[in-house]
Amino acid sequence: MKQETDSNGKSTVYTGAQEKCDDVADKLAEIGLIVRITS
């Protein structure tokens, strides 16, 4: 688990599921950027 601070300054501990969603979103963003650059 990773701990991050949100805009209110409160510390939020992400669960494994949320972390997985973040990873997927990052991967999709990377793929989107790559597709955008190469197309």
PDB file of N, CA and C in Angstrom:
ATOM      1  N   MET A   1       0.839  -1.199   0.000  1.00  0.00           N
ATOM      2  CA  MET A   1       0.000   0.000   0.000  1.00  0.00           C
ATOM      3  C   MET A   1       0.875   1.250   0.000  1.00  0.00           C
ATOM      4  N   LYS A   2       0.385   2.267  -0.673  1.00  0.00           N
ATOM      5  CA  LYS A   2       1.125   3.523  -0.676  1.00  0.00           C
ATOM      6  C   LYS A   2       0.276   4.594  -0.016  1.00  0.00           C
ATOM      7  N   GLN A   3       0.935   5.588   0.532  1.00  0.00           N
ATOM      8  CA  GLN A   3       0.229   6.649   1.234  1.00  0.00           C
ATOM      9  C   GLN A   3       0.452   7.956   0.496  1.00  0.00           C
ATOM     10  N   GLU A   4      -0.628   8.679   0.244  1.00  0.00           N
ATOM     11  CA  GLU A   4      -0.506   9.943  -0.474  1.00  0.00           C
ATOM     12  C   GLU A   4      -1.303  11.015   0.256  1.00  0.00           C
ATOM     13  N   THR A   5      -0.956  12.248  -0.010  1.00  0.00           N
ATOM     14  CA  THR A   5      -1.653  13.370   0.606  1.00  0.00           C
ATOM     15  C   THR A   5      -2.532  14.038  -0.442  1.00  0.00           C
ATOM     16  N   ASP A   6      -3.816  14.179  -0.131  1.00  0.00           N
ATOM     17  CA  ASP A   6      -4.709  14.807  -1.105  1.00  0.00           C
ATOM     18  C   ASP A   6      -4.651  16.327  -0.974  1.00  0.00           C
ATOM     19  N   SER A   7      -5.446  17.016  -1.761  1.00  0.00           N
ATOM     20  CA  SER A   7      -5.394  18.475  -1.823  1.00  0.00           C
ATOM     21  C   SER A   7      -5.752  19.133  -0.490  1.00  0.00           C
ATOM     22  N   ASN A   8      -6.487  18.410   0.372  1.00  0.00           N
ATOM     23  CA  ASN A   8      -6.864  18.963   1.664  1.00  0.00           C
ATOM     24  C   ASN A   8      -5.770  18.753   2.703  1.00  0.00           C
ATOM     25  N   GLY A   9      -4.693  18.072   2.306  1.00  0.00           N
ATOM     26  CA  GLY A   9      -3.604  17.822   3.233  1.00  0.00           C
ATOM     27  C   GLY A   9      -3.837  16.579   4.072  1.00  0.00           C
ATOM     28  N   LYS A  10      -4.959  15.885   3.819  1.00  0.00           N
ATOM     29  CA  LYS A  10      -5.238  14.656   4.557  1.00  0.00           C
ATOM     30  C   LYS A  10      -4.497  13.498   3.913  1.00  0.00           C
ATOM     31  N   SER A  11      -4.026  12.598   4.749  1.00  0.00           N
ATOM     32  CA  SER A  11      -3.274  11.464   4.234  1.00  0.00           C
ATOM     33  C   SER A  11      -4.243  10.346   3.867  1.00  0.00           C
ATOM     34  N   THR A  12      -4.092   9.797   2.674  1.00  0.00           N
ATOM     35  CA  THR A  12      -4.984   8.741   2.212  1.00  0.00           C
ATOM     36  C   THR A  12      -4.180   7.482   1.937  1.00  0.00           C
ATOM     37  N   VAL A  13      -4.610   6.376   2.527  1.00  0.00           N
ATOM     38  CA  VAL A  13      -3.953   5.104   2.264  1.00  0.00           C
ATOM     39  C   VAL A  13      -4.756   4.371   1.202  1.00  0.00           C
ATOM     40  N   TYR A  14      -4.103   4.093   0.086  1.00  0.00           N
ATOM     41  CA  TYR A  14      -4.785   3.417  -1.009  1.00  0.00           C
ATOM     42  C   TYR A  14      -4.792   1.911  -0.788  1.00  0.00           C
ATOM     43  N   THR A  15      -5.907   1.287  -1.111  1.00  0.00           N
ATOM     44  CA  THR A  15      -5.982  -0.165  -1.027  1.00  0.00           C
ATOM     45  C   THR A  15      -5.368  -0.764  -2.278  1.00  0.00           C
ATOM     46  N   GLY A  16      -5.136  -2.051  -2.273  1.00  0.00           N
ATOM     47  CA  GLY A  16      -4.555  -2.720  -3.427  1.00  0.00           C
ATOM     48  C   GLY A  16      -5.394  -2.515  -4.664  1.00  0.00           C
ATOM     49  N   ALA A  17      -6.724  -2.557  -4.518  1.00  0.00           N
ATOM     50  CA  ALA A  17      -7.625  -2.410  -5.664  1.00  0.00           C
ATOM     51  C   ALA A  17      -7.474  -1.029  -6.290  1.00  0.00           C
ATOM     52  N   GLN A  18      -7.448  -0.005  -5.460  1.00  0.00           N
ATOM     53  CA  GLN A  18      -7.293   1.359  -5.973  1.00  0.00           C
ATOM     54  C   GLN A  18      -5.944   1.525  -6.661  1.00  0.00           C
ATOM     55  N   GLU A  19      -4.917   0.901  -6.074  1.00  0.00           N
ATOM     56  CA  GLU A  19      -3.581   0.993  -6.650  1.00  0.00           C
ATOM     57  C   GLU A  19      -3.565   0.321  -8.018  1.00  0.00           C
ATOM     58  N   LYS A  20      -4.263  -0.812  -8.135  1.00  0.00           N
ATOM     59  CA  LYS A  20      -4.336  -1.533  -9.411  1.00  0.00           C
ATOM     60  C   LYS A  20      -5.015  -0.649 -10.449  1.00  0.00           C
ATOM     61  N   CYS A  21      -6.096   0.016 -10.074  1.00  0.00           N
ATOM     62  CA  CYS A  21      -6.808   0.910 -10.997  1.00  0.00           C
ATOM     63  C   CYS A  21      -5.887   2.039 -11.452  1.00  0.00           C
ATOM     64  N   ASP A  22      -5.108   2.576 -10.521  1.00  0.00           N
ATOM     65  CA  ASP A  22      -4.158   3.641 -10.864  1.00  0.00           C
ATOM     66  C   ASP A  22      -3.146   3.133 -11.875  1.00  0.00           C
ATOM     67  N   ASP A  23      -2.652   1.904 -11.644  1.00  0.00           N
ATOM     68  CA  ASP A  23      -1.670   1.316 -12.565  1.00  0.00           C
ATOM     69  C   ASP A  23      -2.272   1.164 -13.951  1.00  0.00           C
ATOM     70  N   VAL A  24      -3.506   0.672 -14.013  1.00  0.00           N
ATOM     71  CA  VAL A  24      -4.179   0.484 -15.303  1.00  0.00           C
ATOM     72  C   VAL A  24      -4.356   1.829 -15.999  1.00  0.00           C
ATOM     73  N   ALA A  25      -4.780   2.832 -15.250  1.00  0.00           N
ATOM     74  CA  ALA A  25      -4.977   4.168 -15.820  1.00  0.00           C
ATOM     75  C   ALA A  25      -3.659   4.706 -16.365  1.00  0.00           C
ATOM     76  N   ASP A  26      -2.580   4.499 -15.612  1.00  0.00           N
ATOM     77  CA  ASP A  26      -1.254   4.946 -16.067  1.00  0.00           C
ATOM     78  C   ASP A  26      -0.871   4.244 -17.356  1.00  0.00           C
ATOM     79  N   LYS A  27      -1.113   2.923 -17.403  1.00  0.00           N
ATOM     80  CA  LYS A  27      -0.768   2.150 -18.597  1.00  0.00           C
ATOM     81  C   LYS A  27      -1.558   2.667 -19.799  1.00  0.00           C
ATOM     82  N   LEU A  28      -2.853   2.891 -19.608  1.00  0.00           N
ATOM     83  CA  LEU A  28      -3.698   3.385 -20.700  1.00  0.00           C
ATOM     84  C   LEU A  28      -3.223   4.761 -21.156  1.00  0.00           C
ATOM     85  N   ALA A  29      -2.849   5.601 -20.206  1.00  0.00           N
ATOM     86  CA  ALA A  29      -2.349   6.937 -20.545  1.00  0.00           C
ATOM     87  C   ALA A  29      -1.065   6.822 -21.356  1.00  0.00           C
ATOM     88  N   GLU A  30      -0.169   5.915 -20.928  1.00  0.00           N
ATOM     89  CA  GLU A  30       1.086   5.709 -21.653  1.00  0.00           C
ATOM     90  C   GLU A  30       0.801   5.246 -23.073  1.00  0.00           C
ATOM     91  N   ILE A  31      -0.077   4.257 -23.205  1.00  0.00           N
ATOM     92  CA  ILE A  31      -0.426   3.728 -24.529  1.00  0.00           C
ATOM     93  C   ILE A  31      -1.036   4.842 -25.380  1.00  0.00           C
ATOM     94  N   GLY A  32      -1.928   5.624 -24.773  1.00  0.00           N
ATOM     95  CA  GLY A  32      -2.554   6.731 -25.485  1.00  0.00           C
ATOM     96  C   GLY A  32      -1.523   7.729 -25.981  1.00  0.00           C
ATOM     97  N   LEU A  33      -0.537   8.037 -25.130  1.00  0.00           N
ATOM     98  CA  LEU A  33       0.516   8.975 -25.528  1.00  0.00           C
ATOM     99  C   LEU A  33       1.342   8.402 -26.664  1.00  0.00           C
ATOM    100  N   ILE A  34       1.684   7.115 -26.527  1.00  0.00           N
ATOM    101  CA  ILE A  34       2.492   6.460 -27.561  1.00  0.00           C
ATOM    102  C   ILE A  34       1.737   6.456 -28.884  1.00  0.00           C
ATOM    103  N   VAL A  35       0.461   6.112 -28.839  1.00  0.00           N
ATOM    104  CA  VAL A  35      -0.357   6.077 -30.054  1.00  0.00           C
ATOM    105  C   VAL A  35      -0.430   7.469 -30.668  1.00  0.00           C
ATOM    106  N   ARG A  36      -0.601   8.482 -29.808  1.00  0.00           N
ATOM    107  CA  ARG A  36      -0.721   9.856 -30.282  1.00  0.00           C
ATOM    108  C   ARG A  36       0.580  10.299 -30.958  1.00  0.00           C
ATOM    109  N   ILE A  37       1.700   9.924 -30.373  1.00  0.00           N
ATOM    110  CA  ILE A  37       3.002  10.338 -30.915  1.00  0.00           C
ATOM    111  C   ILE A  37       3.278   9.644 -32.244  1.00  0.00           C
ATOM    112  N   THR A  38       2.956   8.345 -32.332  1.00  0.00           N
ATOM    113  CA  THR A  38       3.311   7.569 -33.522  1.00  0.00           C
ATOM    114  C   THR A  38       2.322   7.744 -34.666  1.00  0.00           C
ATOM    115  N   SER A  39       1.106   8.183 -34.366  1.00  0.00           N
ATOM    116  CA  SER A  39       0.097   8.286 -35.430  1.00  0.00           C
ATOM    117  C   SER A  39       0.221   9.586 -36.212  1.00  0.00           C
TER     118      SER A  39
END
